Amino acid sequence: PKGNLVSDAQNILKLWREHFSSLLNGNERTAPGDGEPDSPIDYGGADVPLPDREEVRIEITCLKNNKPAGADVLQAELSKHGGEELISNMHQLLCKICSDESMP
């Protein structure tokens, strides 16, 4: 119930159960690919430079090993061993996202 104060223990437990169930089952509003972010990022009209290949290489190298995959289901170890082809493709993708200001 949005906007209603829940004070009894049973209803509080029910709300938490629903919340965590939706997170577990992927029904939460923040699921990957589920629309726009909550608030747009405003850079004050300033142009943000496109990332260069070296920045992409550095960020991939800095990924931590032995961590569970995130929402994108990509393991850091796989990205690190992708070589120049992965860096090139990732760079092209990031530049497209920045230029178009939308996800492909």
C-alpha atoms as a PDB file:
ATOM      1  CA  PRO A   1       0.000   0.000   0.000  1.00  0.00           C
ATOM      2  CA  LYS A   2       1.698   3.180  -1.180  1.00  0.00           C
ATOM      3  CA  GLY A   3       1.482   6.109   1.202  1.00  0.00           C
ATOM      4  CA  ASN A   4      -0.202   4.135   3.982  1.00  0.00           C
ATOM      5  CA  LEU A   5       1.647   3.624   7.248  1.00  0.00           C
ATOM      6  CA  VAL A   6       1.857  -0.047   8.119  1.00  0.00           C
ATOM      7  CA  SER A   7       2.306  -0.623  11.815  1.00  0.00           C
ATOM      8  CA  ASP A   8       1.174  -4.145  12.713  1.00  0.00           C
ATOM      9  CA  ALA A   9       3.744  -6.928  12.563  1.00  0.00           C
ATOM     10  CA  GLN A  10       1.853  -9.195  10.144  1.00  0.00           C
ATOM     11  CA  ASN A  11       1.435  -6.510   7.485  1.00  0.00           C
ATOM     12  CA  ILE A  12       5.053  -5.406   7.882  1.00  0.00           C
ATOM     13  CA  LEU A  13       6.215  -8.989   7.341  1.00  0.00           C
ATOM     14  CA  LYS A  14       3.903  -9.309   4.345  1.00  0.00           C
ATOM     15  CA  LEU A  15       5.356  -6.157   2.741  1.00  0.00           C
ATOM     16  CA  TRP A  16       8.934  -7.350   3.289  1.00  0.00           C
ATOM     17  CA  ARG A  17       8.052 -10.789   1.911  1.00  0.00           C
ATOM     18  CA  GLU A  18       6.557  -9.210  -1.229  1.00  0.00           C
ATOM     19  CA  HIS A  19       9.534  -6.889  -1.626  1.00  0.00           C
ATOM     20  CA  PHE A  20      12.167  -9.611  -1.375  1.00  0.00           C
ATOM     21  CA  SER A  21      10.113 -11.999  -3.469  1.00  0.00           C
ATOM     22  CA  SER A  22       9.975  -9.421  -6.261  1.00  0.00           C
ATOM     23  CA  LEU A  23      13.746  -8.914  -6.013  1.00  0.00           C
ATOM     24  CA  LEU A  24      14.367 -12.650  -6.134  1.00  0.00           C
ATOM     25  CA  ASN A  25      12.014 -13.236  -9.036  1.00  0.00           C
ATOM     26  CA  GLY A  26      13.155 -10.204 -11.008  1.00  0.00           C
ATOM     27  CA  ASN A  27       9.854  -8.355 -10.795  1.00  0.00           C
ATOM     28  CA  GLU A  28      11.379  -5.279  -9.181  1.00  0.00           C
ATOM     29  CA  ARG A  29      11.146  -2.039 -11.178  1.00  0.00           C
ATOM     30  CA  THR A  30      14.941  -1.789 -11.337  1.00  0.00           C
ATOM     31  CA  ALA A  31      15.322  -5.024 -13.293  1.00  0.00           C
ATOM     32  CA  PRO A  32      17.881  -4.794 -16.125  1.00  0.00           C
ATOM     33  CA  GLY A  33      16.461  -3.286 -19.282  1.00  0.00           C
ATOM     34  CA  ASP A  34      13.307  -2.156 -17.522  1.00  0.00           C
ATOM     35  CA  GLY A  35      12.865   1.338 -18.899  1.00  0.00           C
ATOM     36  CA  GLU A  36      14.437   4.619 -18.004  1.00  0.00           C
ATOM     37  CA  PRO A  37      16.438   5.507 -14.883  1.00  0.00           C
ATOM     38  CA  ASP A  38      14.587   7.129 -11.992  1.00  0.00           C
ATOM     39  CA  SER A  39      16.043  10.543 -12.720  1.00  0.00           C
ATOM     40  CA  PRO A  40      17.894  11.718 -15.810  1.00  0.00           C
ATOM     41  CA  ILE A  41      21.510  12.738 -15.448  1.00  0.00           C
ATOM     42  CA  ASP A  42      21.971  16.427 -16.087  1.00  0.00           C
ATOM     43  CA  TYR A  43      25.456  17.517 -17.072  1.00  0.00           C
ATOM     44  CA  GLY A  44      24.426  21.159 -17.263  1.00  0.00           C
ATOM     45  CA  GLY A  45      24.658  21.208 -21.045  1.00  0.00           C
ATOM     46  CA  ALA A  46      28.360  20.322 -20.967  1.00  0.00           C
ATOM     47  CA  ASP A  47      29.634  17.859 -23.535  1.00  0.00           C
ATOM     48  CA  VAL A  48      30.937  14.723 -21.913  1.00  0.00           C
ATOM     49  CA  PRO A  49      33.916  13.328 -23.829  1.00  0.00           C
ATOM     50  CA  LEU A  50      33.613   9.870 -25.332  1.00  0.00           C
ATOM     51  CA  PRO A  51      35.733   7.230 -23.623  1.00  0.00           C
ATOM     52  CA  ASP A  52      38.923   6.298 -25.424  1.00  0.00           C
ATOM     53  CA  ARG A  53      40.193   2.754 -25.931  1.00  0.00           C
ATOM     54  CA  GLU A  54      42.787   3.086 -23.185  1.00  0.00           C
ATOM     55  CA  GLU A  55      40.114   4.052 -20.628  1.00  0.00           C
ATOM     56  CA  VAL A  56      38.109   0.976 -21.592  1.00  0.00           C
ATOM     57  CA  ARG A  57      41.226  -1.199 -21.282  1.00  0.00           C
ATOM     58  CA  ILE A  58      42.016   0.224 -17.821  1.00  0.00           C
ATOM     59  CA  GLU A  59      38.473  -0.261 -16.531  1.00  0.00           C
ATOM     60  CA  ILE A  60      38.352  -3.862 -17.740  1.00  0.00           C
ATOM     61  CA  THR A  61      41.721  -4.538 -16.105  1.00  0.00           C
ATOM     62  CA  CYS A  62      40.472  -3.058 -12.808  1.00  0.00           C
ATOM     63  CA  LEU A  63      37.483  -5.426 -12.581  1.00  0.00           C
ATOM     64  CA  LYS A  64      37.702  -7.651  -9.507  1.00  0.00           C
ATOM     65  CA  ASN A  65      38.133 -11.392  -9.969  1.00  0.00           C
ATOM     66  CA  ASN A  66      36.173 -14.082  -8.132  1.00  0.00           C
ATOM     67  CA  LYS A  67      33.042 -11.974  -7.748  1.00  0.00           C
ATOM     68  CA  PRO A  68      29.590 -13.210  -8.745  1.00  0.00           C
ATOM     69  CA  ALA A  69      28.268 -11.947 -12.049  1.00  0.00           C
ATOM     70  CA  GLY A  70      25.980  -8.940 -11.880  1.00  0.00           C
ATOM     71  CA  ALA A  71      22.691  -8.305 -13.636  1.00  0.00           C
ATOM     72  CA  ASP A  72      24.491  -8.492 -16.995  1.00  0.00           C
ATOM     73  CA  VAL A  73      25.636 -12.051 -16.131  1.00  0.00           C
ATOM     74  CA  LEU A  74      29.189 -11.291 -17.281  1.00  0.00           C
ATOM     75  CA  GLN A  75      32.119 -12.557 -15.253  1.00  0.00           C
ATOM     76  CA  ALA A  76      35.049 -10.178 -14.816  1.00  0.00           C
ATOM     77  CA  GLU A  77      37.471 -12.962 -15.686  1.00  0.00           C
ATOM     78  CA  LEU A  78      35.849 -13.439 -19.104  1.00  0.00           C
ATOM     79  CA  SER A  79      36.110  -9.728 -19.845  1.00  0.00           C
ATOM     80  CA  LYS A  80      39.763  -9.650 -18.829  1.00  0.00           C
ATOM     81  CA  HIS A  81      40.638 -12.503 -21.199  1.00  0.00           C
ATOM     82  CA  GLY A  82      38.667 -11.093 -24.130  1.00  0.00           C
ATOM     83  CA  GLY A  83      41.721  -9.432 -25.629  1.00  0.00           C
ATOM     84  CA  GLU A  84      41.873  -6.586 -28.125  1.00  0.00           C
ATOM     85  CA  GLU A  85      38.711  -7.651 -29.937  1.00  0.00           C
ATOM     86  CA  LEU A  86      36.633  -7.337 -26.756  1.00  0.00           C
ATOM     87  CA  ILE A  87      38.198  -3.974 -25.914  1.00  0.00           C
ATOM     88  CA  SER A  88      37.487  -2.705 -29.422  1.00  0.00           C
ATOM     89  CA  ASN A  89      33.867  -3.929 -29.386  1.00  0.00           C
ATOM     90  CA  MET A  90      33.274  -2.606 -25.870  1.00  0.00           C
ATOM     91  CA  HIS A  91      34.734   0.764 -26.880  1.00  0.00           C
ATOM     92  CA  GLN A  92      32.461   0.965 -29.939  1.00  0.00           C
ATOM     93  CA  LEU A  93      29.433   0.039 -27.837  1.00  0.00           C
ATOM     94  CA  LEU A  94      30.215   2.612 -25.133  1.00  0.00           C
ATOM     95  CA  CYS A  95      30.776   5.339 -27.727  1.00  0.00           C
ATOM     96  CA  LYS A  96      27.433   4.491 -29.366  1.00  0.00           C
ATOM     97  CA  ILE A  97      25.658   4.617 -25.995  1.00  0.00           C
ATOM     98  CA  CYS A  98      27.250   7.985 -25.178  1.00  0.00           C
ATOM     99  CA  SER A  99      26.557   9.463 -28.615  1.00  0.00           C
ATOM    100  CA  ASP A 100      22.961   8.252 -28.891  1.00  0.00           C
ATOM    101  CA  GLU A 101      22.268   8.774 -25.176  1.00  0.00           C
ATOM    102  CA  SER A 102      20.332   5.516 -25.156  1.00  0.00           C
ATOM    103  CA  MET A 103      20.951   1.812 -24.775  1.00  0.00           C
ATOM    104  CA  PRO A 104      20.984  -0.162 -28.039  1.00  0.00           C
END
